[in-house]
C-alpha atoms as a PDB file:
ATOM      1  CA  MET A   1       0.182   0.226   0.052  1.00  0.00           C
ATOM      2  CA  TYR A   2       0.884   3.506  -0.594  1.00  0.00           C
ATOM      3  CA  ALA A   3       0.082   6.970   0.624  1.00  0.00           C
ATOM      4  CA  ARG A   4       0.416  10.210  -0.994  1.00  0.00           C
ATOM      5  CA  VAL A   5       0.547  13.293   0.937  1.00  0.00           C
ATOM      6  CA  VAL A   6      -0.249  16.382  -0.548  1.00  0.00           C
ATOM      7  CA  GLU A   7      -0.107  19.782   1.043  1.00  0.00           C
ATOM      8  CA  ILE A   8      -1.624  23.182   0.161  1.00  0.00           C
ATOM      9  CA  LYS A   9      -1.924  26.403   1.368  1.00  0.00           C
ATOM     10  CA  ALA A  10      -5.203  28.352   1.316  1.00  0.00           C
ATOM     11  CA  ARG A  11      -6.094  31.696   2.398  1.00  0.00           C
ATOM     12  CA  PRO A  12      -7.561  31.694   5.759  1.00  0.00           C
ATOM     13  CA  GLU A  13     -10.496  33.832   4.825  1.00  0.00           C
ATOM     14  CA  ARG A  14     -11.116  31.083   2.207  1.00  0.00           C
ATOM     15  CA  ILE A  15     -10.937  27.933   3.937  1.00  0.00           C
ATOM     16  CA  GLU A  16     -14.344  26.801   4.799  1.00  0.00           C
ATOM     17  CA  GLU A  17     -14.728  27.149   0.607  1.00  0.00           C
ATOM     18  CA  CYS A  18     -11.448  25.074   0.268  1.00  0.00           C
ATOM     19  CA  ILE A  19     -13.307  22.258   2.843  1.00  0.00           C
ATOM     20  CA  ARG A  20     -16.444  22.414   0.688  1.00  0.00           C
ATOM     21  CA  ILE A  21     -14.175  21.573  -2.388  1.00  0.00           C
ATOM     22  CA  PHE A  22     -12.775  18.920  -0.870  1.00  0.00           C
ATOM     23  CA  LYS A  23     -15.602  17.043   0.215  1.00  0.00           C
ATOM     24  CA  GLU A  24     -18.015  17.916  -2.666  1.00  0.00           C
ATOM     25  CA  VAL A  25     -15.315  17.833  -5.722  1.00  0.00           C
ATOM     26  CA  ASN A  26     -11.595  16.622  -5.065  1.00  0.00           C
ATOM     27  CA  GLY A  27     -12.524  13.900  -2.466  1.00  0.00           C
ATOM     28  CA  PRO A  28     -15.022  12.107  -4.851  1.00  0.00           C
ATOM     29  CA  SER A  29     -12.956  12.298  -7.935  1.00  0.00           C
ATOM     30  CA  ILE A  30      -9.996  10.950  -6.466  1.00  0.00           C
ATOM     31  CA  ALA A  31     -12.263   8.115  -5.011  1.00  0.00           C
ATOM     32  CA  ARG A  32     -13.057   7.367  -8.547  1.00  0.00           C
ATOM     33  CA  GLN A  33      -9.531   6.573  -9.433  1.00  0.00           C
ATOM     34  CA  PRO A  34      -8.332   2.915  -9.910  1.00  0.00           C
ATOM     35  CA  GLY A  35      -6.649   1.494  -6.830  1.00  0.00           C
ATOM     36  CA  PHE A  36      -8.025   3.819  -4.488  1.00  0.00           C
ATOM     37  CA  ASP A  37      -8.234   2.636  -0.998  1.00  0.00           C
ATOM     38  CA  HIS A  38      -9.281   5.444   1.348  1.00  0.00           C
ATOM     39  CA  GLY A  39      -7.852   9.300   2.105  1.00  0.00           C
ATOM     40  CA  HIS A  40      -8.134  11.783   5.090  1.00  0.00           C
ATOM     41  CA  TRP A  41      -7.930  15.717   4.456  1.00  0.00           C
ATOM     42  CA  TRP A  42      -6.730  17.863   7.278  1.00  0.00           C
ATOM     43  CA  ALA A  43      -6.919  21.909   7.388  1.00  0.00           C
ATOM     44  CA  ASP A  44      -5.609  24.388   9.756  1.00  0.00           C
ATOM     45  CA  ARG A  45      -8.699  26.745   9.669  1.00  0.00           C
ATOM     46  CA  ASP A  46      -6.504  29.642  11.071  1.00  0.00           C
ATOM     47  CA  SER A  47      -3.725  29.431   8.877  1.00  0.00           C
ATOM     48  CA  GLY A  48      -5.161  27.991   5.754  1.00  0.00           C
ATOM     49  CA  GLU A  49      -2.859  24.880   5.411  1.00  0.00           C
ATOM     50  CA  ALA A  50      -4.194  21.698   4.217  1.00  0.00           C
ATOM     51  CA  VAL A  51      -3.094  18.221   4.033  1.00  0.00           C
ATOM     52  CA  SER A  52      -4.725  15.316   2.160  1.00  0.00           C
ATOM     53  CA  VAL A  53      -3.286  11.528   2.843  1.00  0.00           C
ATOM     54  CA  THR A  54      -4.792   9.302   0.118  1.00  0.00           C
ATOM     55  CA  PHE A  55      -4.082   5.563   0.206  1.00  0.00           C
ATOM     56  CA  TRP A  56      -3.565   3.455  -2.881  1.00  0.00           C
ATOM     57  CA  ASP A  57      -3.030  -0.644  -3.422  1.00  0.00           C
ATOM     58  CA  THR A  58      -0.064  -0.088  -5.984  1.00  0.00           C
ATOM     59  CA  ASP A  59       2.784   2.377  -6.631  1.00  0.00           C
ATOM     60  CA  GLU A  60       1.491   2.207 -10.419  1.00  0.00           C
ATOM     61  CA  HIS A  61      -2.291   3.169  -9.055  1.00  0.00           C
ATOM     62  CA  GLU A  62      -0.714   5.887  -7.476  1.00  0.00           C
ATOM     63  CA  GLN A  63       1.379   7.097 -10.090  1.00  0.00           C
ATOM     64  CA  THR A  64      -1.343   7.083 -12.472  1.00  0.00           C
ATOM     65  CA  SER A  65      -4.050   8.773 -10.582  1.00  0.00           C
ATOM     66  CA  ARG A  66      -1.338  11.936 -10.453  1.00  0.00           C
ATOM     67  CA  ALA A  67      -2.676  12.757 -13.730  1.00  0.00           C
ATOM     68  CA  ASN A  68      -6.018  14.248 -11.890  1.00  0.00           C
ATOM     69  CA  ILE A  69      -4.225  16.393  -9.413  1.00  0.00           C
ATOM     70  CA  PRO A  70      -3.761  19.364 -11.671  1.00  0.00           C
ATOM     71  CA  VAL A  71      -7.319  19.536 -12.931  1.00  0.00           C
ATOM     72  CA  LEU A  72      -8.386  19.519  -9.129  1.00  0.00           C
ATOM     73  CA  ILE A  73      -6.021  22.416  -8.168  1.00  0.00           C
ATOM     74  CA  THR A  74      -6.733  24.569 -11.104  1.00  0.00           C
ATOM     75  CA  GLY A  75     -10.254  24.040  -9.942  1.00  0.00           C
ATOM     76  CA  MET A  76      -9.910  25.106  -6.581  1.00  0.00           C
ATOM     77  CA  ALA A  77      -7.037  28.161  -7.478  1.00  0.00           C
ATOM     78  CA  HIS A  78      -9.512  30.903  -6.535  1.00  0.00           C
ATOM     79  CA  VAL A  79      -9.295  29.356  -2.916  1.00  0.00           C
ATOM     80  CA  LEU A  80      -5.336  29.099  -2.574  1.00  0.00           C
ATOM     81  CA  ALA A  81      -3.024  31.626  -1.106  1.00  0.00           C
ATOM     82  CA  SER A  82      -0.246  29.953  -3.234  1.00  0.00           C
ATOM     83  CA  PRO A  83       0.117  27.914  -6.402  1.00  0.00           C
ATOM     84  CA  ASP A  84       2.808  25.668  -4.676  1.00  0.00           C
ATOM     85  CA  VAL A  85       1.506  22.085  -4.354  1.00  0.00           C
ATOM     86  CA  THR A  86       3.729  19.709  -2.446  1.00  0.00           C
ATOM     87  CA  GLN A  87       3.315  15.850  -2.555  1.00  0.00           C
ATOM     88  CA  ARG A  88       5.322  13.085  -1.756  1.00  0.00           C
ATOM     89  CA  THR A  89       4.590   9.138  -1.963  1.00  0.00           C
ATOM     90  CA  TYR A  90       5.474   6.630   0.991  1.00  0.00           C
ATOM     91  CA  GLU A  91       5.410   2.771   1.203  1.00  0.00           C
ATOM     92  CA  ARG A  92       3.571   1.225   4.030  1.00  0.00           C
ATOM     93  CA  VAL A  93       6.265  -0.557   5.947  1.00  0.00           C
ATOM     94  CA  HIS A  94       4.420  -1.531   9.038  1.00  0.00           C
ATOM     95  CA  ASP A  95       0.811  -2.048  10.871  1.00  0.00           C
ATOM     96  CA  GLN A  96       0.136  -1.241  14.524  1.00  0.00           C
ATOM     97  CA  GLN A  97      -2.901  -1.258  16.358  1.00  0.00           C
ATOM     98  CA  PRO A  98      -3.252  -0.587  20.082  1.00  0.00           C
ATOM     99  CA  ILE A  99      -1.875  -3.056  22.124  1.00  0.00           C
ATOM    100  CA  GLY A 100      -4.437  -5.605  23.065  1.00  0.00           C
ATOM    101  CA  HIS A 101      -7.285  -3.918  20.906  1.00  0.00           C
ATOM    102  CA  PHE A 102      -6.722  -5.969  17.675  1.00  0.00           C
ATOM    103  CA  ARG A 103      -8.831  -8.726  18.601  1.00  0.00           C
ATOM    104  CA  ALA A 104     -11.565  -6.508  19.788  1.00  0.00           C
ATOM    105  CA  HIS A 105     -11.014  -4.946  16.392  1.00  0.00           C
ATOM    106  CA  GLN A 106     -11.521  -8.326  14.591  1.00  0.00           C
ATOM    107  CA  GLN A 107     -14.429  -9.439  16.387  1.00  0.00           C
ATOM    108  CA  ALA A 108     -16.457  -5.732  15.706  1.00  0.00           C
ATOM    109  CA  GLY A 109     -15.320  -6.248  11.873  1.00  0.00           C
ATOM    110  CA  LEU A 110     -13.531  -3.346  11.847  1.00  0.00           C
ATOM    111  CA  ARG A 111     -10.620  -2.721   9.500  1.00  0.00           C
ATOM    112  CA  PRO A 112      -7.226  -1.944  11.322  1.00  0.00           C
ATOM    113  CA  CYS A 113      -5.398   1.199  10.720  1.00  0.00           C
ATOM    114  CA  HIS A 114      -1.988   1.820   8.920  1.00  0.00           C
ATOM    115  CA  LEU A 115       1.076   3.336  10.222  1.00  0.00           C
ATOM    116  CA  VAL A 116       3.123   4.537   7.426  1.00  0.00           C
ATOM    117  CA  LEU A 117       6.677   4.856   8.327  1.00  0.00           C
ATOM    118  CA  GLY A 118       8.662   4.537   5.335  1.00  0.00           C
ATOM    119  CA  ARG A 119       9.378   6.871   2.603  1.00  0.00           C
ATOM    120  CA  SER A 120       9.281   5.624  -0.707  1.00  0.00           C
ATOM    121  CA  ASP A 121      12.295   6.273  -3.121  1.00  0.00           C
ATOM    122  CA  ARG A 122      10.786   9.303  -5.197  1.00  0.00           C
ATOM    123  CA  SER A 123      11.511  12.785  -4.034  1.00  0.00           C
ATOM    124  CA  SER A 124       9.344  15.459  -3.051  1.00  0.00           C
ATOM    125  CA  ARG A 125       7.626  16.887  -6.254  1.00  0.00           C
ATOM    126  CA  ALA A 126       5.665  20.262  -6.959  1.00  0.00           C
ATOM    127  CA  LEU A 127       3.037  20.866  -9.487  1.00  0.00           C
END
């Protein structure tokens, strides 16, 4: 499994619109890409900094899905404080659940969380 971390800087006064775009446009668009597993989007409402972490089944699917990113960024350009977008990809190297909770998660039918610790061999890239 691979995780892509994308960082942007929104204008703080437009952060609510940025969040709406994540929920209504970017998230669903990314979720339609082959190999998408799940994603999380975070925002600091005061600074305008926002981060997405999306999870992909293979390196190939993660790489292929990058073609979608420039379109998504263009669609939210009006809320961005900077055109700079940083993205990095990490390979999953270890999973950890709370000690003693794994069995309870299994019994409840819950999916385990994944902890991403290792960085892939690709360097940071900006669009």
